[in-house]
């Protein structure tokens, strides 16, 4: 969300990035909760 900086004179874009892995998945909704 921090956004990127850019040089209007040269057209260069400066980007900071995260480069770590996450995981996720799905599971069935249980009955009787």
ModelCIF file with pLDDT and N, C-alpha, C, O atoms, coordinates in Angstrom:
data_MODEL
#
_entry.id   MODEL 
#
_entity.id                         1 
_entity.type                       polymer 
_entity.pdbx_number_of_molecules   1 
#
_entity_poly.entity_id                      1 
_entity_poly.type                           'polypeptide(L)' 
_entity_poly.nstd_linkage                   no 
_entity_poly.nstd_monomer                   no 
_entity_poly.pdbx_seq_one_letter_code       
;(UNK)(UNK)(UNK)(UNK)(UNK)(UNK)(UNK)(UNK)(UNK)(UNK)(UNK)(UNK)(UNK)(UNK)(UNK)(UNK)
(UNK)(UNK)(UNK)(UNK)(UNK)(UNK)(UNK)(UNK)(UNK)(UNK)(UNK)(UNK)(UNK)(UNK)(UNK)(UNK)
(UNK)
;
_entity_poly.pdbx_seq_one_letter_code_can   XXXXXXXXXXXXXXXXXXXXXXXXXXXXXXXXX 
_entity_poly.pdbx_strand_id                 A 
#
loop_
_entity_poly_seq.entity_id 
_entity_poly_seq.num 
_entity_poly_seq.mon_id 
_entity_poly_seq.hetero 
1 1  UNK n 
1 2  UNK n 
1 3  UNK n 
1 4  UNK n 
1 5  UNK n 
1 6  UNK n 
1 7  UNK n 
1 8  UNK n 
1 9  UNK n 
1 10 UNK n 
1 11 UNK n 
1 12 UNK n 
1 13 UNK n 
1 14 UNK n 
1 15 UNK n 
1 16 UNK n 
1 17 UNK n 
1 18 UNK n 
1 19 UNK n 
1 20 UNK n 
1 21 UNK n 
1 22 UNK n 
1 23 UNK n 
1 24 UNK n 
1 25 UNK n 
1 26 UNK n 
1 27 UNK n 
1 28 UNK n 
1 29 UNK n 
1 30 UNK n 
1 31 UNK n 
1 32 UNK n 
1 33 UNK n 
#
_struct_asym.id          A 
_struct_asym.entity_id   1 
#
loop_
_ma_qa_metric.id 
_ma_qa_metric.mode 
_ma_qa_metric.name 
_ma_qa_metric.software_group_id 
_ma_qa_metric.type 
1 global pLDDT . pLDDT 
2 local  pLDDT . pLDDT 
#
_ma_qa_metric_global.metric_id      1 
_ma_qa_metric_global.metric_value   94.85 
_ma_qa_metric_global.model_id       1 
_ma_qa_metric_global.ordinal_id     1 
#
loop_
_ma_qa_metric_local.label_asym_id 
_ma_qa_metric_local.label_comp_id 
_ma_qa_metric_local.label_seq_id 
_ma_qa_metric_local.metric_id 
_ma_qa_metric_local.metric_value 
_ma_qa_metric_local.model_id 
_ma_qa_metric_local.ordinal_id 
A UNK 1  2 97.00 1 1  
A UNK 2  2 97.00 1 2  
A UNK 3  2 97.00 1 3  
A UNK 4  2 98.00 1 4  
A UNK 5  2 98.00 1 5  
A UNK 6  2 98.00 1 6  
A UNK 7  2 98.00 1 7  
A UNK 8  2 97.00 1 8  
A UNK 9  2 97.00 1 9  
A UNK 10 2 97.00 1 10 
A UNK 11 2 98.00 1 11 
A UNK 12 2 98.00 1 12 
A UNK 13 2 98.00 1 13 
A UNK 14 2 98.00 1 14 
A UNK 15 2 98.00 1 15 
A UNK 16 2 98.00 1 16 
A UNK 17 2 98.00 1 17 
A UNK 18 2 98.00 1 18 
A UNK 19 2 98.00 1 19 
A UNK 20 2 98.00 1 20 
A UNK 21 2 98.00 1 21 
A UNK 22 2 98.00 1 22 
A UNK 23 2 97.00 1 23 
A UNK 24 2 96.00 1 24 
A UNK 25 2 96.00 1 25 
A UNK 26 2 96.00 1 26 
A UNK 27 2 95.00 1 27 
A UNK 28 2 95.00 1 28 
A UNK 29 2 91.00 1 29 
A UNK 30 2 86.00 1 30 
A UNK 31 2 79.00 1 31 
A UNK 32 2 73.00 1 32 
A UNK 33 2 76.00 1 33 
#
loop_
_atom_site.group_PDB 
_atom_site.id 
_atom_site.type_symbol 
_atom_site.label_atom_id 
_atom_site.label_alt_id 
_atom_site.label_comp_id 
_atom_site.label_asym_id 
_atom_site.label_entity_id 
_atom_site.label_seq_id 
_atom_site.pdbx_PDB_ins_code 
_atom_site.Cartn_x 
_atom_site.Cartn_y 
_atom_site.Cartn_z 
_atom_site.occupancy 
_atom_site.B_iso_or_equiv 
_atom_site.pdbx_formal_charge 
_atom_site.auth_seq_id 
_atom_site.auth_comp_id 
_atom_site.auth_asym_id 
_atom_site.auth_atom_id 
_atom_site.pdbx_PDB_model_num 
ATOM 1   N N  . UNK A 1 1  ? 0.790   -1.224  0.000   1.00 97.00 ? 1  UNK A N  1 
ATOM 2   C CA . UNK A 1 1  ? 0.000   0.000   0.000   1.00 97.00 ? 1  UNK A CA 1 
ATOM 3   C C  . UNK A 1 1  ? 0.828   1.282   0.000   1.00 97.00 ? 1  UNK A C  1 
ATOM 4   O O  . UNK A 1 1  ? 0.282   2.353   -0.266  1.00 97.00 ? 1  UNK A O  1 
ATOM 5   N N  . UNK A 1 2  ? 2.129   1.207   0.290   1.00 97.00 ? 2  UNK A N  1 
ATOM 6   C CA . UNK A 1 2  ? 2.931   2.426   0.382   1.00 97.00 ? 2  UNK A CA 1 
ATOM 7   C C  . UNK A 1 2  ? 3.072   3.177   -0.925  1.00 97.00 ? 2  UNK A C  1 
ATOM 8   O O  . UNK A 1 2  ? 3.313   4.384   -0.926  1.00 97.00 ? 2  UNK A O  1 
ATOM 9   N N  . UNK A 1 3  ? 2.923   2.470   -2.049  1.00 97.00 ? 3  UNK A N  1 
ATOM 10  C CA . UNK A 1 3  ? 3.008   3.127   -3.345  1.00 97.00 ? 3  UNK A CA 1 
ATOM 11  C C  . UNK A 1 3  ? 4.432   3.223   -3.865  1.00 97.00 ? 3  UNK A C  1 
ATOM 12  O O  . UNK A 1 3  ? 5.389   2.873   -3.175  1.00 97.00 ? 3  UNK A O  1 
ATOM 13  N N  . UNK A 1 4  ? 4.553   3.703   -5.092  1.00 98.00 ? 4  UNK A N  1 
ATOM 14  C CA . UNK A 1 4  ? 5.838   3.773   -5.775  1.00 98.00 ? 4  UNK A CA 1 
ATOM 15  C C  . UNK A 1 4  ? 6.233   5.230   -6.000  1.00 98.00 ? 4  UNK A C  1 
ATOM 16  O O  . UNK A 1 4  ? 5.379   6.113   -6.081  1.00 98.00 ? 4  UNK A O  1 
ATOM 17  N N  . UNK A 1 5  ? 7.534   5.464   -6.099  1.00 98.00 ? 5  UNK A N  1 
ATOM 18  C CA . UNK A 1 5  ? 8.026   6.787   -6.490  1.00 98.00 ? 5  UNK A CA 1 
ATOM 19  C C  . UNK A 1 5  ? 8.380   6.746   -7.963  1.00 98.00 ? 5  UNK A C  1 
ATOM 20  O O  . UNK A 1 5  ? 8.717   5.691   -8.500  1.00 98.00 ? 5  UNK A O  1 
ATOM 21  N N  . UNK A 1 6  ? 8.302   7.901   -8.618  1.00 98.00 ? 6  UNK A N  1 
ATOM 22  C CA . UNK A 1 6  ? 8.595   7.964   -10.043 1.00 98.00 ? 6  UNK A CA 1 
ATOM 23  C C  . UNK A 1 6  ? 9.282   9.282   -10.364 1.00 98.00 ? 6  UNK A C  1 
ATOM 24  O O  . UNK A 1 6  ? 9.005   10.313  -9.752  1.00 98.00 ? 6  UNK A O  1 
ATOM 25  N N  . UNK A 1 7  ? 10.175  9.225   -11.329 1.00 98.00 ? 7  UNK A N  1 
ATOM 26  C CA . UNK A 1 7  ? 10.872  10.431  -11.786 1.00 98.00 ? 7  UNK A CA 1 
ATOM 27  C C  . UNK A 1 7  ? 10.164  10.941  -13.042 1.00 98.00 ? 7  UNK A C  1 
ATOM 28  O O  . UNK A 1 7  ? 10.249  10.302  -14.091 1.00 98.00 ? 7  UNK A O  1 
ATOM 29  N N  . UNK A 1 8  ? 9.467   12.078  -12.957 1.00 97.00 ? 8  UNK A N  1 
ATOM 30  C CA . UNK A 1 8  ? 8.738   12.584  -14.120 1.00 97.00 ? 8  UNK A CA 1 
ATOM 31  C C  . UNK A 1 8  ? 9.658   13.010  -15.258 1.00 97.00 ? 8  UNK A C  1 
ATOM 32  O O  . UNK A 1 8  ? 9.202   13.176  -16.389 1.00 97.00 ? 8  UNK A O  1 
ATOM 33  N N  . UNK A 1 9  ? 10.954  13.189  -14.974 1.00 97.00 ? 9  UNK A N  1 
ATOM 34  C CA . UNK A 1 9  ? 11.899  13.620  -16.005 1.00 97.00 ? 9  UNK A CA 1 
ATOM 35  C C  . UNK A 1 9  ? 12.440  12.455  -16.815 1.00 97.00 ? 9  UNK A C  1 
ATOM 36  O O  . UNK A 1 9  ? 12.783  12.618  -17.986 1.00 97.00 ? 9  UNK A O  1 
ATOM 37  N N  . UNK A 1 10 ? 12.519  11.283  -16.202 1.00 97.00 ? 10 UNK A N  1 
ATOM 38  C CA . UNK A 1 10 ? 13.174  10.148  -16.859 1.00 97.00 ? 10 UNK A CA 1 
ATOM 39  C C  . UNK A 1 10 ? 12.258  8.968   -17.122 1.00 97.00 ? 10 UNK A C  1 
ATOM 40  O O  . UNK A 1 10 ? 12.594  8.102   -17.929 1.00 97.00 ? 10 UNK A O  1 
ATOM 41  N N  . UNK A 1 11 ? 11.092  8.908   -16.453 1.00 98.00 ? 11 UNK A N  1 
ATOM 42  C CA . UNK A 1 11 ? 10.206  7.762   -16.629 1.00 98.00 ? 11 UNK A CA 1 
ATOM 43  C C  . UNK A 1 11 ? 10.623  6.530   -15.866 1.00 98.00 ? 11 UNK A C  1 
ATOM 44  O O  . UNK A 1 11 ? 10.201  5.423   -16.202 1.00 98.00 ? 11 UNK A O  1 
ATOM 45  N N  . UNK A 1 12 ? 11.457  6.700   -14.828 1.00 98.00 ? 12 UNK A N  1 
ATOM 46  C CA . UNK A 1 12 ? 11.900  5.567   -14.009 1.00 98.00 ? 12 UNK A CA 1 
ATOM 47  C C  . UNK A 1 12 ? 10.968  5.416   -12.808 1.00 98.00 ? 12 UNK A C  1 
ATOM 48  O O  . UNK A 1 12 ? 10.648  6.390   -12.127 1.00 98.00 ? 12 UNK A O  1 
ATOM 49  N N  . UNK A 1 13 ? 10.538  4.175   -12.562 1.00 98.00 ? 13 UNK A N  1 
ATOM 50  C CA . UNK A 1 13 ? 9.646   3.841   -11.458 1.00 98.00 ? 13 UNK A CA 1 
ATOM 51  C C  . UNK A 1 13 ? 10.435  3.102   -10.395 1.00 98.00 ? 13 UNK A C  1 
ATOM 52  O O  . UNK A 1 13 ? 11.200  2.190   -10.711 1.00 98.00 ? 13 UNK A O  1 
ATOM 53  N N  . UNK A 1 14 ? 10.256  3.490   -9.118  1.00 98.00 ? 14 UNK A N  1 
ATOM 54  C CA . UNK A 1 14 ? 10.971  2.874   -7.992  1.00 98.00 ? 14 UNK A CA 1 
ATOM 55  C C  . UNK A 1 14 ? 9.963   2.116   -7.135  1.00 98.00 ? 14 UNK A C  1 
ATOM 56  O O  . UNK A 1 14 ? 9.023   2.703   -6.600  1.00 98.00 ? 14 UNK A O  1 
ATOM 57  N N  . UNK A 1 15 ? 10.172  0.793   -7.009  1.00 98.00 ? 15 UNK A N  1 
ATOM 58  C CA . UNK A 1 15 ? 9.200   -0.101  -6.381  1.00 98.00 ? 15 UNK A CA 1 
ATOM 59  C C  . UNK A 1 15 ? 9.866   -0.863  -5.244  1.00 98.00 ? 15 UNK A C  1 
ATOM 60  O O  . UNK A 1 15 ? 10.871  -1.539  -5.461  1.00 98.00 ? 15 UNK A O  1 
ATOM 61  N N  . UNK A 1 16 ? 9.326   -0.765  -4.049  1.00 98.00 ? 16 UNK A N  1 
ATOM 62  C CA . UNK A 1 16 ? 9.775   -1.666  -2.990  1.00 98.00 ? 16 UNK A CA 1 
ATOM 63  C C  . UNK A 1 16 ? 8.803   -2.835  -2.894  1.00 98.00 ? 16 UNK A C  1 
ATOM 64  O O  . UNK A 1 16 ? 7.601   -2.683  -3.113  1.00 98.00 ? 16 UNK A O  1 
ATOM 65  N N  . UNK A 1 17 ? 9.349   -4.009  -2.560  1.00 98.00 ? 17 UNK A N  1 
ATOM 66  C CA . UNK A 1 17 ? 8.537   -5.222  -2.633  1.00 98.00 ? 17 UNK A CA 1 
ATOM 67  C C  . UNK A 1 17 ? 8.846   -6.174  -1.492  1.00 98.00 ? 17 UNK A C  1 
ATOM 68  O O  . UNK A 1 17 ? 9.974   -6.237  -1.005  1.00 98.00 ? 17 UNK A O  1 
ATOM 69  N N  . UNK A 1 18 ? 7.819   -6.921  -1.069  1.00 98.00 ? 18 UNK A N  1 
ATOM 70  C CA . UNK A 1 18 ? 7.990   -8.071  -0.195  1.00 98.00 ? 18 UNK A CA 1 
ATOM 71  C C  . UNK A 1 18 ? 8.230   -9.297  -1.062  1.00 98.00 ? 18 UNK A C  1 
ATOM 72  O O  . UNK A 1 18 ? 7.666   -9.417  -2.149  1.00 98.00 ? 18 UNK A O  1 
ATOM 73  N N  . UNK A 1 19 ? 9.073   -10.211 -0.575  1.00 98.00 ? 19 UNK A N  1 
ATOM 74  C CA . UNK A 1 19 ? 9.433   -11.384 -1.380  1.00 98.00 ? 19 UNK A CA 1 
ATOM 75  C C  . UNK A 1 19 ? 9.532   -12.611 -0.486  1.00 98.00 ? 19 UNK A C  1 
ATOM 76  O O  . UNK A 1 19 ? 10.550  -13.303 -0.457  1.00 98.00 ? 19 UNK A O  1 
ATOM 77  N N  . UNK A 1 20 ? 8.437   -12.866 0.251   1.00 98.00 ? 20 UNK A N  1 
ATOM 78  C CA . UNK A 1 20 ? 8.358   -14.042 1.112   1.00 98.00 ? 20 UNK A CA 1 
ATOM 79  C C  . UNK A 1 20 ? 7.137   -14.859 0.715   1.00 98.00 ? 20 UNK A C  1 
ATOM 80  O O  . UNK A 1 20 ? 6.221   -14.345 0.074   1.00 98.00 ? 20 UNK A O  1 
ATOM 81  N N  . UNK A 1 21 ? 7.127   -16.128 1.096   1.00 98.00 ? 21 UNK A N  1 
ATOM 82  C CA . UNK A 1 21 ? 6.054   -17.044 0.717   1.00 98.00 ? 21 UNK A CA 1 
ATOM 83  C C  . UNK A 1 21 ? 5.035   -17.192 1.840   1.00 98.00 ? 21 UNK A C  1 
ATOM 84  O O  . UNK A 1 21 ? 5.382   -17.181 3.021   1.00 98.00 ? 21 UNK A O  1 
ATOM 85  N N  . UNK A 1 22 ? 3.797   -17.327 1.457   1.00 98.00 ? 22 UNK A N  1 
ATOM 86  C CA . UNK A 1 22 ? 2.710   -17.660 2.367   1.00 98.00 ? 22 UNK A CA 1 
ATOM 87  C C  . UNK A 1 22 ? 2.024   -18.913 1.820   1.00 98.00 ? 22 UNK A C  1 
ATOM 88  O O  . UNK A 1 22 ? 2.306   -19.337 0.699   1.00 98.00 ? 22 UNK A O  1 
ATOM 89  N N  . UNK A 1 23 ? 1.136   -19.497 2.598   1.00 97.00 ? 23 UNK A N  1 
ATOM 90  C CA . UNK A 1 23 ? 0.320   -20.601 2.108   1.00 97.00 ? 23 UNK A CA 1 
ATOM 91  C C  . UNK A 1 23 ? -1.121  -20.400 2.549   1.00 97.00 ? 23 UNK A C  1 
ATOM 92  O O  . UNK A 1 23 ? -1.408  -19.662 3.491   1.00 97.00 ? 23 UNK A O  1 
ATOM 93  N N  . UNK A 1 24 ? -2.017  -21.076 1.843   1.00 96.00 ? 24 UNK A N  1 
ATOM 94  C CA . UNK A 1 24 ? -3.432  -21.048 2.192   1.00 96.00 ? 24 UNK A CA 1 
ATOM 95  C C  . UNK A 1 24 ? -4.134  -22.236 1.584   1.00 96.00 ? 24 UNK A C  1 
ATOM 96  O O  . UNK A 1 24 ? -3.582  -22.918 0.720   1.00 96.00 ? 24 UNK A O  1 
ATOM 97  N N  . UNK A 1 25 ? -5.343  -22.486 2.029   1.00 96.00 ? 25 UNK A N  1 
ATOM 98  C CA . UNK A 1 25 ? -6.116  -23.594 1.492   1.00 96.00 ? 25 UNK A CA 1 
ATOM 99  C C  . UNK A 1 25 ? -7.574  -23.463 1.857   1.00 96.00 ? 25 UNK A C  1 
ATOM 100 O O  . UNK A 1 25 ? -7.984  -22.457 2.435   1.00 96.00 ? 25 UNK A O  1 
ATOM 101 N N  . UNK A 1 26 ? -8.358  -24.463 1.528   1.00 96.00 ? 26 UNK A N  1 
ATOM 102 C CA . UNK A 1 26 ? -9.775  -24.500 1.833   1.00 96.00 ? 26 UNK A CA 1 
ATOM 103 C C  . UNK A 1 26 ? -10.089 -25.737 2.657   1.00 96.00 ? 26 UNK A C  1 
ATOM 104 O O  . UNK A 1 26 ? -9.374  -26.738 2.599   1.00 96.00 ? 26 UNK A O  1 
ATOM 105 N N  . UNK A 1 27 ? -11.163 -25.653 3.419   1.00 95.00 ? 27 UNK A N  1 
ATOM 106 C CA . UNK A 1 27 ? -11.652 -26.813 4.155   1.00 95.00 ? 27 UNK A CA 1 
ATOM 107 C C  . UNK A 1 27 ? -13.162 -26.756 4.168   1.00 95.00 ? 27 UNK A C  1 
ATOM 108 O O  . UNK A 1 27 ? -13.743 -25.675 4.074   1.00 95.00 ? 27 UNK A O  1 
ATOM 109 N N  . UNK A 1 28 ? -13.799 -27.890 4.282   1.00 95.00 ? 28 UNK A N  1 
ATOM 110 C CA . UNK A 1 28 ? -15.259 -27.944 4.270   1.00 95.00 ? 28 UNK A CA 1 
ATOM 111 C C  . UNK A 1 28 ? -15.819 -27.317 5.541   1.00 95.00 ? 28 UNK A C  1 
ATOM 112 O O  . UNK A 1 28 ? -15.255 -27.472 6.624   1.00 95.00 ? 28 UNK A O  1 
ATOM 113 N N  . UNK A 1 29 ? -16.929 -26.611 5.396   1.00 91.00 ? 29 UNK A N  1 
ATOM 114 C CA . UNK A 1 29 ? -17.627 -26.058 6.552   1.00 91.00 ? 29 UNK A CA 1 
ATOM 115 C C  . UNK A 1 29 ? -18.272 -27.209 7.315   1.00 91.00 ? 29 UNK A C  1 
ATOM 116 O O  . UNK A 1 29 ? -19.011 -28.012 6.746   1.00 91.00 ? 29 UNK A O  1 
ATOM 117 N N  . UNK A 1 30 ? -17.982 -27.276 8.604   1.00 86.00 ? 30 UNK A N  1 
ATOM 118 C CA . UNK A 1 30 ? -18.461 -28.398 9.415   1.00 86.00 ? 30 UNK A CA 1 
ATOM 119 C C  . UNK A 1 30 ? -19.885 -28.165 9.886   1.00 86.00 ? 30 UNK A C  1 
ATOM 120 O O  . UNK A 1 30 ? -20.302 -27.029 10.113  1.00 86.00 ? 30 UNK A O  1 
ATOM 121 N N  . UNK A 1 31 ? -20.616 -29.241 10.028  1.00 79.00 ? 31 UNK A N  1 
ATOM 122 C CA . UNK A 1 31 ? -21.957 -29.168 10.613  1.00 79.00 ? 31 UNK A CA 1 
ATOM 123 C C  . UNK A 1 31 ? -21.857 -29.369 12.119  1.00 79.00 ? 31 UNK A C  1 
ATOM 124 O O  . UNK A 1 31 ? -20.878 -29.932 12.610  1.00 79.00 ? 31 UNK A O  1 
ATOM 125 N N  . UNK A 1 32 ? -22.850 -28.916 12.841  1.00 73.00 ? 32 UNK A N  1 
ATOM 126 C CA . UNK A 1 32 ? -22.898 -29.126 14.279  1.00 73.00 ? 32 UNK A CA 1 
ATOM 127 C C  . UNK A 1 32 ? -22.087 -28.149 15.093  1.00 73.00 ? 32 UNK A C  1 
ATOM 128 O O  . UNK A 1 32 ? -21.914 -28.348 16.296  1.00 73.00 ? 32 UNK A O  1 
ATOM 129 N N  . UNK A 1 33 ? -21.574 -27.079 14.460  1.00 76.00 ? 33 UNK A N  1 
ATOM 130 C CA . UNK A 1 33 ? -20.834 -26.076 15.222  1.00 76.00 ? 33 UNK A CA 1 
ATOM 131 C C  . UNK A 1 33 ? -21.789 -25.192 16.007  1.00 76.00 ? 33 UNK A C  1 
ATOM 132 O O  . UNK A 1 33 ? -21.351 -24.283 16.713  1.00 76.00 ? 33 UNK A O  1 
#
